[in-house]
């Protein structure tokens, strides 16, 4: 009975958070395949009792996925680059998603992580702070600095649109 309950809870968490977790893991690990692996490992360990989540699940899940993605990088012993498409985009907006992904890759990792968690995972700054083990004010300032750098990157690019 407990196994079924654990499986149902695991499936509910996966359904609710998997997209955000994969995007976040991509921002850390640098590839979609590595992100998929990290998320898979986390949910498998969660299902089999290798991970216990105490308190609110969202920040804890992101912290565990962050660590799993870093472990993946360490195990591969190579420089990770954001080469895969890891941001989902509406049909016809693929180029914009690639440009945004490229711009995000130019940010320092600490700013990129906060932006992905706040926007794609829809976490509050308090949740981001808990997941990254930083203060909410630090999370908010990294977010502001990161957005400022993104705006500057896009402002310096010539417009691709024809009027």
Protein backbone atom coordinates (compact mmCIF):
# COMPACT_ATOMS: atom_id res chain seq x y z
CA UNK A 1 0.00 0.00 0.00
CA UNK A 2 2.77 2.43 0.96
CA UNK A 3 4.56 1.67 -2.32
CA UNK A 4 1.42 2.58 -4.31
CA UNK A 5 1.01 5.79 -2.33
CA UNK A 6 4.67 6.68 -2.89
CA UNK A 7 4.27 5.95 -6.62
CA UNK A 8 1.12 8.14 -6.87
CA UNK A 9 2.83 10.99 -5.02
CA UNK A 10 5.91 10.64 -7.21
CA UNK A 11 3.80 10.71 -10.39
CA UNK A 12 1.94 13.80 -9.18
CA UNK A 13 5.21 15.60 -8.41
CA UNK A 14 6.61 14.59 -11.79
CA UNK A 15 3.52 15.81 -13.66
CA UNK A 16 3.59 19.11 -11.82
CA UNK A 17 7.31 19.87 -11.93
CA UNK A 18 9.06 17.86 -14.66
CA UNK A 19 9.11 20.58 -17.34
CA UNK A 20 10.56 23.18 -14.99
CA UNK A 21 13.00 20.68 -13.51
CA UNK A 22 14.28 19.69 -16.96
CA UNK A 23 14.72 23.33 -18.02
CA UNK A 24 16.52 24.07 -14.78
CA UNK A 25 18.74 20.99 -15.08
CA UNK A 26 19.59 22.05 -18.65
CA UNK A 27 20.68 25.44 -17.38
CA UNK A 28 22.99 23.70 -14.91
CA UNK A 29 24.21 20.66 -16.86
CA UNK A 30 24.32 22.17 -20.32
CA UNK A 31 22.48 19.56 -22.33
CA UNK A 32 18.99 18.19 -22.62
CA UNK A 33 20.23 14.59 -22.33
CA UNK A 34 22.09 15.36 -19.10
CA UNK A 35 19.02 17.15 -17.75
CA UNK A 36 16.76 14.22 -18.59
CA UNK A 37 19.21 11.88 -16.85
CA UNK A 38 19.39 14.06 -13.74
CA UNK A 39 15.61 14.37 -13.44
CA UNK A 40 15.18 10.63 -14.06
CA UNK A 41 17.72 9.76 -11.37
CA UNK A 42 16.03 12.05 -8.87
CA UNK A 43 12.55 10.64 -9.42
CA UNK A 44 13.81 7.07 -9.40
CA UNK A 45 15.58 7.65 -6.09
CA UNK A 46 12.49 9.42 -4.77
CA UNK A 47 10.32 6.45 -5.74
CA UNK A 48 12.62 3.88 -4.16
CA UNK A 49 13.19 5.84 -0.97
CA UNK A 50 16.73 6.99 -1.70
CA UNK A 51 15.60 10.59 -1.29
CA UNK A 52 13.31 11.92 1.40
CA UNK A 53 11.72 15.33 0.93
CA UNK A 54 10.88 17.21 4.09
CA UNK A 55 9.00 20.46 3.97
CA UNK A 56 7.72 22.09 0.79
CA UNK A 57 8.56 19.78 -2.14
CA UNK A 58 9.25 22.41 -4.81
CA UNK A 59 12.48 23.97 -3.48
CA UNK A 60 13.70 20.58 -2.29
CA UNK A 61 13.14 18.99 -5.71
CA UNK A 62 15.04 21.78 -7.44
CA UNK A 63 17.92 21.51 -4.96
CA UNK A 64 18.17 17.73 -5.49
CA UNK A 65 17.98 18.10 -9.29
CA UNK A 66 20.65 20.81 -9.12
CA UNK A 67 22.95 18.42 -7.25
CA UNK A 68 22.16 15.55 -9.64
CA UNK A 69 22.97 17.76 -12.64
CA UNK A 70 26.27 18.82 -11.05
CA UNK A 71 27.08 15.18 -10.33
CA UNK A 72 26.41 14.37 -13.98
CA UNK A 73 28.83 17.09 -15.06
CA UNK A 74 31.47 15.82 -12.65
CA UNK A 75 31.06 12.25 -13.85
CA UNK A 76 31.53 13.28 -17.48
CA UNK A 77 34.59 15.43 -16.62
CA UNK A 78 34.06 17.76 -19.51
CA UNK A 79 33.05 21.36 -20.06
CA UNK A 80 29.29 21.60 -20.47
CA UNK A 81 27.92 23.81 -23.18
CA UNK A 82 24.32 24.76 -23.85
CA UNK A 83 24.12 23.18 -27.29
CA UNK A 84 20.78 21.40 -27.15
CA UNK A 85 17.46 23.12 -27.39
CA UNK A 86 16.12 23.05 -23.87
CA UNK A 87 13.53 25.81 -23.93
CA UNK A 88 10.20 24.76 -25.29
CA UNK A 89 8.63 27.24 -27.66
CA UNK A 90 5.35 27.66 -29.50
CA UNK A 91 5.30 26.63 -33.15
CA UNK A 92 6.93 29.35 -35.24
CA UNK A 93 8.90 30.75 -32.29
CA UNK A 94 11.78 28.25 -32.36
CA UNK A 95 14.34 30.85 -33.45
CA UNK A 96 13.32 33.17 -30.61
CA UNK A 97 13.72 30.31 -28.13
CA UNK A 98 17.21 29.57 -29.47
CA UNK A 99 18.16 33.24 -29.20
CA UNK A 100 16.86 33.40 -25.63
CA UNK A 101 18.66 30.18 -24.74
CA UNK A 102 21.87 31.55 -26.20
CA UNK A 103 21.46 34.79 -24.26
CA UNK A 104 20.83 32.84 -21.05
CA UNK A 105 24.00 30.83 -21.67
CA UNK A 106 25.98 34.09 -21.61
CA UNK A 107 24.83 34.90 -18.08
CA UNK A 108 26.76 33.84 -15.01
CA UNK A 109 25.37 30.52 -13.78
CA UNK A 110 24.04 31.96 -10.51
CA UNK A 111 21.94 34.53 -12.39
CA UNK A 112 20.81 32.02 -15.03
CA UNK A 113 19.66 29.58 -12.32
CA UNK A 114 17.56 32.19 -10.54
CA UNK A 115 15.93 33.36 -13.78
CA UNK A 116 15.05 29.82 -14.86
CA UNK A 117 13.68 28.94 -11.43
CA UNK A 118 11.66 32.13 -11.10
CA UNK A 119 10.24 32.23 -14.64
CA UNK A 120 10.04 28.63 -15.90
CA UNK A 121 9.56 26.87 -12.58
CA UNK A 122 7.33 29.71 -11.36
CA UNK A 123 9.00 29.73 -7.96
CA UNK A 124 8.86 32.68 -5.59
CA UNK A 125 12.14 34.25 -4.52
CA UNK A 126 11.71 32.56 -1.15
CA UNK A 127 11.43 29.16 -2.88
CA UNK A 128 14.38 29.94 -5.14
CA UNK A 129 16.40 30.96 -2.09
CA UNK A 130 15.53 27.71 -0.34
CA UNK A 131 16.41 25.62 -3.40
CA UNK A 132 19.76 27.36 -3.91
CA UNK A 133 20.49 27.86 -0.21
CA UNK A 134 20.81 31.64 -0.52
CA UNK A 135 18.81 34.51 0.95
CA UNK A 136 15.63 35.74 -0.79
CA UNK A 137 17.28 39.16 -1.24
CA UNK A 138 20.25 37.53 -2.99
CA UNK A 139 17.85 35.60 -5.25
CA UNK A 140 15.99 38.80 -6.12
CA UNK A 141 19.17 40.75 -6.85
CA UNK A 142 20.59 37.95 -9.04
CA UNK A 143 17.30 37.96 -10.93
CA UNK A 144 17.42 41.74 -11.46
CA UNK A 145 21.07 41.68 -12.56
CA UNK A 146 20.42 38.77 -14.90
CA UNK A 147 17.40 40.45 -16.49
CA UNK A 148 19.37 43.65 -16.90
CA UNK A 149 22.11 41.75 -18.73
CA UNK A 150 19.54 40.00 -20.94
CA UNK A 151 17.96 43.34 -21.84
CA UNK A 152 21.39 44.74 -22.71
CA UNK A 153 22.17 41.70 -24.87
CA UNK A 154 18.94 42.00 -26.82
CA UNK A 155 19.21 45.78 -27.11
CA UNK A 156 22.66 45.45 -28.68
CA UNK A 157 21.46 42.96 -31.32
CA UNK A 158 20.24 44.37 -34.63
CA UNK A 159 16.57 43.71 -35.19
CA UNK A 160 15.87 40.65 -37.34
CA UNK A 161 12.37 41.81 -38.20
CA UNK A 162 11.42 43.52 -41.41
CA UNK A 163 8.72 46.22 -41.20
